[in-house]
Amino acid sequence: MAMDKGQQEILRRAASVIGHDLRNPLAVINNSAYFVRAKLGQAKLDPKVEKHLKIIESEVSRADKLIGDMLTFSRPYEPAAETMPLDSVVADAVESYTAPEGGRIDLKLGAKGVTAKFDGKAVGDALKRLIDNAFAAQEEKGTVKVVTAAGKDGLTIAVSDTGPGVDPKIKDVMYEAFMTTKPKGMGLGLALARKYLEGNGGSVSHETGPKGSTFKLILPKA
């Protein structure tokens, strides 16, 4: 169920307080880890020390991203739209995406030269969130397919995985904030992707079957 204005305002205030009160101690933890690493010098660290320093740094980064997502979702979104070729934005987003160790992205650009007016940074971020979702469905391994196309309905970016498909029980609420079936994360990935696309006059849709799911980001042509 979508939040009403009162609920959105409560979330905005809560996110602001949480962001401030949690990011400060996270910064202290991160700085302390950096100090410990520097203090130990450039010599090869004990493997156990190196392992635990990386865990601290990784978890601080993950927590900071979760806070950032909550703050972003709670704020009004105003797209910085420009007319640009879709394929260039998609190619840049995929190139800058770090796939998990056991995974790869198969990119096929099919909207060559076709432009649309949209916020490239936001759409690129939405695409990365769908790729995150696809790899999660495949247990962080295998190939995720990203395909662009131009048709009568507009421009599309399709992200396909080979996971078990979307559970029918959640298909009607999967784009809502804080809806998640994963052990990690707050369930804001699809909600933010939808927020960004709708803010640019587009939409997000999905199809699921026995051999995985395909999520589509759809934008109107310029």
C-alpha atoms as a PDB file:
ATOM      1  CA  MET A   1       0.000   0.000   0.000  1.00  0.00           C
ATOM      2  CA  ALA A   2       1.344   3.435  -0.976  1.00  0.00           C
ATOM      3  CA  MET A   3       2.086   5.882   1.812  1.00  0.00           C
ATOM      4  CA  ASP A   4      -0.102   8.931   2.275  1.00  0.00           C
ATOM      5  CA  LYS A   5       1.372  12.423   2.779  1.00  0.00           C
ATOM      6  CA  GLY A   6       1.369  12.119   6.558  1.00  0.00           C
ATOM      7  CA  GLN A   7       3.283   8.848   6.450  1.00  0.00           C
ATOM      8  CA  GLN A   8       5.725  10.282   3.912  1.00  0.00           C
ATOM      9  CA  GLU A   9       6.420  13.239   6.220  1.00  0.00           C
ATOM     10  CA  ILE A  10       7.013  10.913   9.194  1.00  0.00           C
ATOM     11  CA  LEU A  11       9.412   8.843   7.079  1.00  0.00           C
ATOM     12  CA  ARG A  12      11.225  11.978   5.889  1.00  0.00           C
ATOM     13  CA  ARG A  13      11.767  13.190   9.456  1.00  0.00           C
ATOM     14  CA  ALA A  14      12.768   9.755  10.727  1.00  0.00           C
ATOM     15  CA  ALA A  15      15.216   9.282   7.858  1.00  0.00           C
ATOM     16  CA  SER A  16      16.821  12.648   8.549  1.00  0.00           C
ATOM     17  CA  VAL A  17      17.312  11.873  12.258  1.00  0.00           C
ATOM     18  CA  ILE A  18      18.521   8.331  11.611  1.00  0.00           C
ATOM     19  CA  GLY A  19      20.868   9.519   8.887  1.00  0.00           C
ATOM     20  CA  HIS A  20      22.482  12.076  11.180  1.00  0.00           C
ATOM     21  CA  ASP A  21      22.678   9.892  14.294  1.00  0.00           C
ATOM     22  CA  LEU A  22      24.016   6.820  12.496  1.00  0.00           C
ATOM     23  CA  ARG A  23      26.351   8.346   9.932  1.00  0.00           C
ATOM     24  CA  ASN A  24      28.442  10.104  12.573  1.00  0.00           C
ATOM     25  CA  PRO A  25      29.376   6.906  14.458  1.00  0.00           C
ATOM     26  CA  LEU A  26      29.870   5.089  11.151  1.00  0.00           C
ATOM     27  CA  ALA A  27      32.365   7.770  10.124  1.00  0.00           C
ATOM     28  CA  VAL A  28      34.187   7.317  13.448  1.00  0.00           C
ATOM     29  CA  ILE A  29      34.354   3.528  12.932  1.00  0.00           C
ATOM     30  CA  ASN A  30      35.610   3.982   9.373  1.00  0.00           C
ATOM     31  CA  ASN A  31      38.269   6.482  10.450  1.00  0.00           C
ATOM     32  CA  SER A  32      39.375   4.167  13.257  1.00  0.00           C
ATOM     33  CA  ALA A  33      39.738   1.262  10.821  1.00  0.00           C
ATOM     34  CA  TYR A  34      41.794   3.494   8.541  1.00  0.00           C
ATOM     35  CA  PHE A  35      43.980   4.537  11.495  1.00  0.00           C
ATOM     36  CA  VAL A  36      44.559   0.916  12.528  1.00  0.00           C
ATOM     37  CA  ARG A  37      45.487  -0.046   8.978  1.00  0.00           C
ATOM     38  CA  ALA A  38      47.883   2.914   8.711  1.00  0.00           C
ATOM     39  CA  LYS A  39      49.384   2.225  12.136  1.00  0.00           C
ATOM     40  CA  LEU A  40      50.163  -1.350  11.168  1.00  0.00           C
ATOM     41  CA  GLY A  41      52.169  -0.006   8.262  1.00  0.00           C
ATOM     42  CA  GLN A  42      52.724  -1.245   4.747  1.00  0.00           C
ATOM     43  CA  ALA A  43      54.033  -4.658   5.802  1.00  0.00           C
ATOM     44  CA  LYS A  44      51.873  -7.647   4.952  1.00  0.00           C
ATOM     45  CA  LEU A  45      49.187  -7.921   7.600  1.00  0.00           C
ATOM     46  CA  ASP A  46      48.275 -11.047   9.462  1.00  0.00           C
ATOM     47  CA  PRO A  47      45.538 -12.674   7.272  1.00  0.00           C
ATOM     48  CA  LYS A  48      43.058 -12.640  10.156  1.00  0.00           C
ATOM     49  CA  VAL A  49      43.678  -8.934  10.829  1.00  0.00           C
ATOM     50  CA  GLU A  50      43.317  -8.137   7.119  1.00  0.00           C
ATOM     51  CA  LYS A  51      40.107 -10.173   6.953  1.00  0.00           C
ATOM     52  CA  HIS A  52      38.497  -8.367   9.881  1.00  0.00           C
ATOM     53  CA  LEU A  53      39.565  -4.914   8.705  1.00  0.00           C
ATOM     54  CA  LYS A  54      37.924  -5.633   5.349  1.00  0.00           C
ATOM     55  CA  ILE A  55      34.774  -6.805   7.116  1.00  0.00           C
ATOM     56  CA  ILE A  56      34.624  -3.557   9.111  1.00  0.00           C
ATOM     57  CA  GLU A  57      35.151  -1.422   5.990  1.00  0.00           C
ATOM     58  CA  SER A  58      32.638  -3.428   3.950  1.00  0.00           C
ATOM     59  CA  GLU A  59      29.905  -3.342   6.601  1.00  0.00           C
ATOM     60  CA  VAL A  60      30.384   0.387   7.233  1.00  0.00           C
ATOM     61  CA  SER A  61      30.026   0.988   3.491  1.00  0.00           C
ATOM     62  CA  ARG A  62      26.899  -1.177   3.319  1.00  0.00           C
ATOM     63  CA  ALA A  63      25.296   0.568   6.295  1.00  0.00           C
ATOM     64  CA  ASP A  64      26.078   3.985   4.823  1.00  0.00           C
ATOM     65  CA  LYS A  65      24.462   2.966   1.515  1.00  0.00           C
ATOM     66  CA  LEU A  66      21.317   1.778   3.316  1.00  0.00           C
ATOM     67  CA  ILE A  67      21.064   5.110   5.113  1.00  0.00           C
ATOM     68  CA  GLY A  68      21.613   6.938   1.822  1.00  0.00           C
ATOM     69  CA  ASP A  69      18.837   4.934   0.160  1.00  0.00           C
ATOM     70  CA  MET A  70      16.400   5.742   2.958  1.00  0.00           C
ATOM     71  CA  LEU A  71      17.233   9.457   2.783  1.00  0.00           C
ATOM     72  CA  THR A  72      16.909   9.460  -1.011  1.00  0.00           C
ATOM     73  CA  PHE A  73      13.563   7.676  -0.921  1.00  0.00           C
ATOM     74  CA  SER A  74      12.157  10.004   1.742  1.00  0.00           C
ATOM     75  CA  ARG A  75      12.936  13.172  -0.240  1.00  0.00           C
ATOM     76  CA  PRO A  76      11.034  14.618  -3.209  1.00  0.00           C
ATOM     77  CA  TYR A  77      12.672  13.708  -6.511  1.00  0.00           C
ATOM     78  CA  GLU A  78      13.129  16.382  -9.173  1.00  0.00           C
ATOM     79  CA  PRO A  79      14.726  14.928 -12.342  1.00  0.00           C
ATOM     80  CA  ALA A  80      17.639  16.753 -13.959  1.00  0.00           C
ATOM     81  CA  ALA A  81      16.424  15.781 -17.418  1.00  0.00           C
ATOM     82  CA  GLU A  82      18.369  16.214 -20.648  1.00  0.00           C
ATOM     83  CA  THR A  83      17.881  14.801 -24.129  1.00  0.00           C
ATOM     84  CA  MET A  84      20.437  12.022 -24.578  1.00  0.00           C
ATOM     85  CA  PRO A  85      20.938   8.646 -26.245  1.00  0.00           C
ATOM     86  CA  LEU A  86      19.719   5.807 -24.056  1.00  0.00           C
ATOM     87  CA  ASP A  87      22.410   3.348 -25.133  1.00  0.00           C
ATOM     88  CA  SER A  88      25.238   5.609 -23.949  1.00  0.00           C
ATOM     89  CA  VAL A  89      23.716   5.928 -20.474  1.00  0.00           C
ATOM     90  CA  VAL A  90      23.145   2.182 -20.222  1.00  0.00           C
ATOM     91  CA  ALA A  91      26.651   1.345 -21.450  1.00  0.00           C
ATOM     92  CA  ASP A  92      28.203   3.723 -18.893  1.00  0.00           C
ATOM     93  CA  ALA A  93      26.092   2.285 -16.057  1.00  0.00           C
ATOM     94  CA  VAL A  94      27.015  -1.307 -16.925  1.00  0.00           C
ATOM     95  CA  GLU A  95      30.690  -0.444 -17.334  1.00  0.00           C
ATOM     96  CA  SER A  96      30.811   1.151 -13.874  1.00  0.00           C
ATOM     97  CA  TYR A  97      28.918  -1.733 -12.233  1.00  0.00           C
ATOM     98  CA  THR A  98      31.018  -4.221 -10.266  1.00  0.00           C
ATOM     99  CA  ALA A  99      29.573  -7.677 -10.788  1.00  0.00           C
ATOM    100  CA  PRO A 100      29.956 -10.280  -8.026  1.00  0.00           C
ATOM    101  CA  GLU A 101      32.901 -12.633  -8.327  1.00  0.00           C
ATOM    102  CA  GLY A 102      30.813 -15.432  -9.804  1.00  0.00           C
ATOM    103  CA  GLY A 103      28.748 -13.307 -12.167  1.00  0.00           C
ATOM    104  CA  ARG A 104      28.897 -11.402 -15.441  1.00  0.00           C
ATOM    105  CA  ILE A 105      26.687  -9.044 -17.455  1.00  0.00           C
ATOM    106  CA  ASP A 106      25.754  -9.708 -21.077  1.00  0.00           C
ATOM    107  CA  LEU A 107      24.943  -6.301 -22.621  1.00  0.00           C
ATOM    108  CA  LYS A 108      23.157  -5.890 -25.947  1.00  0.00           C
ATOM    109  CA  LEU A 109      22.472  -2.344 -27.149  1.00  0.00           C
ATOM    110  CA  GLY A 110      19.544  -2.131 -29.541  1.00  0.00           C
ATOM    111  CA  ALA A 111      18.463   1.514 -29.358  1.00  0.00           C
ATOM    112  CA  LYS A 112      21.397   2.978 -31.275  1.00  0.00           C
ATOM    113  CA  GLY A 113      21.020   6.701 -31.931  1.00  0.00           C
ATOM    114  CA  VAL A 114      17.562   6.918 -30.334  1.00  0.00           C
ATOM    115  CA  THR A 115      17.240   9.642 -27.724  1.00  0.00           C
ATOM    116  CA  ALA A 116      14.924  10.455 -24.850  1.00  0.00           C
ATOM    117  CA  LYS A 117      14.681  13.274 -22.336  1.00  0.00           C
ATOM    118  CA  PHE A 118      15.494  11.907 -18.894  1.00  0.00           C
ATOM    119  CA  ASP A 119      17.760  12.129 -15.872  1.00  0.00           C
ATOM    120  CA  GLY A 120      20.701   9.956 -16.910  1.00  0.00           C
ATOM    121  CA  LYS A 121      22.136   9.593 -13.414  1.00  0.00           C
ATOM    122  CA  ALA A 122      18.814   8.467 -11.929  1.00  0.00           C
ATOM    123  CA  VAL A 123      18.025   6.027 -14.741  1.00  0.00           C
ATOM    124  CA  GLY A 124      21.545   4.618 -14.516  1.00  0.00           C
ATOM    125  CA  ASP A 125      21.047   4.147 -10.776  1.00  0.00           C
ATOM    126  CA  ALA A 126      17.693   2.446 -11.363  1.00  0.00           C
ATOM    127  CA  LEU A 127      19.352   0.072 -13.833  1.00  0.00           C
ATOM    128  CA  LYS A 128      22.052  -0.856 -11.318  1.00  0.00           C
ATOM    129  CA  ARG A 129      19.380  -1.623  -8.738  1.00  0.00           C
ATOM    130  CA  LEU A 130      17.656  -3.986 -11.152  1.00  0.00           C
ATOM    131  CA  ILE A 131      21.011  -5.659 -11.852  1.00  0.00           C
ATOM    132  CA  ASP A 132      21.548  -6.014  -8.082  1.00  0.00           C
ATOM    133  CA  ASN A 133      18.122  -7.622  -7.868  1.00  0.00           C
ATOM    134  CA  ALA A 134      18.900  -9.990 -10.755  1.00  0.00           C
ATOM    135  CA  PHE A 135      22.178 -11.187  -9.262  1.00  0.00           C
ATOM    136  CA  ALA A 136      20.491 -11.674  -5.885  1.00  0.00           C
ATOM    137  CA  ALA A 137      17.910 -13.918  -7.607  1.00  0.00           C
ATOM    138  CA  GLN A 138      20.803 -15.973  -9.034  1.00  0.00           C
ATOM    139  CA  GLU A 139      22.674 -16.238  -5.723  1.00  0.00           C
ATOM    140  CA  GLU A 140      25.335 -13.774  -6.959  1.00  0.00           C
ATOM    141  CA  LYS A 141      26.476 -15.953  -9.865  1.00  0.00           C
ATOM    142  CA  GLY A 142      25.752 -16.634 -13.526  1.00  0.00           C
ATOM    143  CA  THR A 143      24.915 -14.209 -16.323  1.00  0.00           C
ATOM    144  CA  VAL A 144      22.504 -11.288 -16.117  1.00  0.00           C
ATOM    145  CA  LYS A 145      21.287 -10.013 -19.486  1.00  0.00           C
ATOM    146  CA  VAL A 146      20.765  -6.297 -20.135  1.00  0.00           C
ATOM    147  CA  VAL A 147      19.097  -5.385 -23.435  1.00  0.00           C
ATOM    148  CA  THR A 148      17.983  -2.008 -24.785  1.00  0.00           C
ATOM    149  CA  ALA A 149      15.377  -1.500 -27.485  1.00  0.00           C
ATOM    150  CA  ALA A 150      13.311   1.215 -29.160  1.00  0.00           C
ATOM    151  CA  GLY A 151       9.694   0.518 -30.054  1.00  0.00           C
ATOM    152  CA  LYS A 152       6.313   2.131 -30.460  1.00  0.00           C
ATOM    153  CA  ASP A 153       5.835   2.167 -26.689  1.00  0.00           C
ATOM    154  CA  GLY A 154       9.108   4.012 -26.092  1.00  0.00           C
ATOM    155  CA  LEU A 155      12.603   3.018 -25.032  1.00  0.00           C
ATOM    156  CA  THR A 156      13.160  -0.016 -22.852  1.00  0.00           C
ATOM    157  CA  ILE A 157      15.975  -1.418 -20.752  1.00  0.00           C
ATOM    158  CA  ALA A 158      15.331  -5.086 -19.984  1.00  0.00           C
ATOM    159  CA  VAL A 159      17.215  -6.898 -17.207  1.00  0.00           C
ATOM    160  CA  SER A 160      16.812 -10.678 -17.213  1.00  0.00           C
ATOM    161  CA  ASP A 161      17.903 -13.269 -14.652  1.00  0.00           C
ATOM    162  CA  THR A 162      17.702 -17.057 -14.401  1.00  0.00           C
ATOM    163  CA  GLY A 163      16.466 -17.165 -10.830  1.00  0.00           C
ATOM    164  CA  PRO A 164      13.347 -18.889  -9.478  1.00  0.00           C
ATOM    165  CA  GLY A 165      11.029 -16.084 -10.576  1.00  0.00           C
ATOM    166  CA  VAL A 166       8.875 -13.702  -8.566  1.00  0.00           C
ATOM    167  CA  ASP A 167       6.733 -15.255  -5.847  1.00  0.00           C
ATOM    168  CA  PRO A 168       3.080 -14.637  -6.845  1.00  0.00           C
ATOM    169  CA  LYS A 169       2.381 -13.657  -3.230  1.00  0.00           C
ATOM    170  CA  ILE A 170       4.494 -10.505  -3.520  1.00  0.00           C
ATOM    171  CA  LYS A 171       4.029  -9.491  -7.166  1.00  0.00           C
ATOM    172  CA  ASP A 172       1.457  -6.807  -6.261  1.00  0.00           C
ATOM    173  CA  VAL A 173       3.551  -5.250  -3.470  1.00  0.00           C
ATOM    174  CA  MET A 174       7.125  -5.810  -4.658  1.00  0.00           C
ATOM    175  CA  TYR A 175       7.585  -2.154  -5.688  1.00  0.00           C
ATOM    176  CA  GLU A 176       6.493  -0.831  -2.311  1.00  0.00           C
ATOM    177  CA  ALA A 177       9.072   0.587   0.102  1.00  0.00           C
ATOM    178  CA  PHE A 178      10.590  -1.801   2.664  1.00  0.00           C
ATOM    179  CA  MET A 179       9.203  -4.864   0.881  1.00  0.00           C
ATOM    180  CA  THR A 180      11.951  -7.493   0.767  1.00  0.00           C
ATOM    181  CA  THR A 181      12.414 -11.262   0.897  1.00  0.00           C
ATOM    182  CA  LYS A 182      16.206 -11.014   1.178  1.00  0.00           C
ATOM    183  CA  PRO A 183      18.193 -11.511   4.396  1.00  0.00           C
ATOM    184  CA  LYS A 184      20.007  -8.204   3.765  1.00  0.00           C
ATOM    185  CA  GLY A 185      18.776  -4.820   2.613  1.00  0.00           C
ATOM    186  CA  MET A 186      15.728  -2.678   3.393  1.00  0.00           C
ATOM    187  CA  GLY A 187      13.666  -3.371   0.302  1.00  0.00           C
ATOM    188  CA  LEU A 188      14.136   0.032  -1.327  1.00  0.00           C
ATOM    189  CA  GLY A 189      15.781  -1.020  -4.596  1.00  0.00           C
ATOM    190  CA  LEU A 190      12.643  -1.561  -6.676  1.00  0.00           C
ATOM    191  CA  ALA A 191      10.821   1.275  -4.897  1.00  0.00           C
ATOM    192  CA  LEU A 192      13.585   3.719  -5.831  1.00  0.00           C
ATOM    193  CA  ALA A 193      13.760   2.398  -9.402  1.00  0.00           C
ATOM    194  CA  ARG A 194      10.017   3.017  -9.788  1.00  0.00           C
ATOM    195  CA  LYS A 195      10.301   6.467  -8.195  1.00  0.00           C
ATOM    196  CA  TYR A 196      13.060   7.476 -10.632  1.00  0.00           C
ATOM    197  CA  LEU A 197      11.284   6.134 -13.716  1.00  0.00           C
ATOM    198  CA  GLU A 198       7.910   7.642 -12.857  1.00  0.00           C
ATOM    199  CA  GLY A 199       9.657  10.956 -12.166  1.00  0.00           C
ATOM    200  CA  ASN A 200      10.949  10.824 -15.739  1.00  0.00           C
ATOM    201  CA  GLY A 201       7.567  10.017 -17.253  1.00  0.00           C
ATOM    202  CA  GLY A 202       8.302   6.302 -17.507  1.00  0.00           C
ATOM    203  CA  SER A 203       7.494   3.109 -15.663  1.00  0.00           C
ATOM    204  CA  VAL A 204       8.840  -0.208 -14.402  1.00  0.00           C
ATOM    205  CA  SER A 205       7.318  -3.569 -15.257  1.00  0.00           C
ATOM    206  CA  HIS A 206       8.227  -7.227 -14.944  1.00  0.00           C
ATOM    207  CA  GLU A 207       7.511 -10.654 -16.365  1.00  0.00           C
ATOM    208  CA  THR A 208       8.320 -13.893 -14.601  1.00  0.00           C
ATOM    209  CA  GLY A 209       8.390 -17.506 -15.686  1.00  0.00           C
ATOM    210  CA  PRO A 210       9.905 -20.879 -14.919  1.00  0.00           C
ATOM    211  CA  LYS A 211      13.348 -19.774 -16.113  1.00  0.00           C
ATOM    212  CA  GLY A 212      13.675 -16.445 -14.338  1.00  0.00           C
ATOM    213  CA  SER A 213      12.352 -12.901 -14.497  1.00  0.00           C
ATOM    214  CA  THR A 214      12.718  -9.884 -16.765  1.00  0.00           C
ATOM    215  CA  PHE A 215      12.326  -6.378 -15.356  1.00  0.00           C
ATOM    216  CA  LYS A 216      11.900  -3.469 -17.754  1.00  0.00           C
ATOM    217  CA  LEU A 217      12.612   0.224 -17.352  1.00  0.00           C
ATOM    218  CA  ILE A 218      10.442   2.071 -19.888  1.00  0.00           C
ATOM    219  CA  LEU A 219      10.978   5.679 -21.015  1.00  0.00           C
ATOM    220  CA  PRO A 220       9.048   7.776 -23.549  1.00  0.00           C
ATOM    221  CA  LYS A 221      10.941   8.806 -26.674  1.00  0.00           C
ATOM    222  CA  ALA A 222      12.134  12.401 -27.002  1.00  0.00           C
END
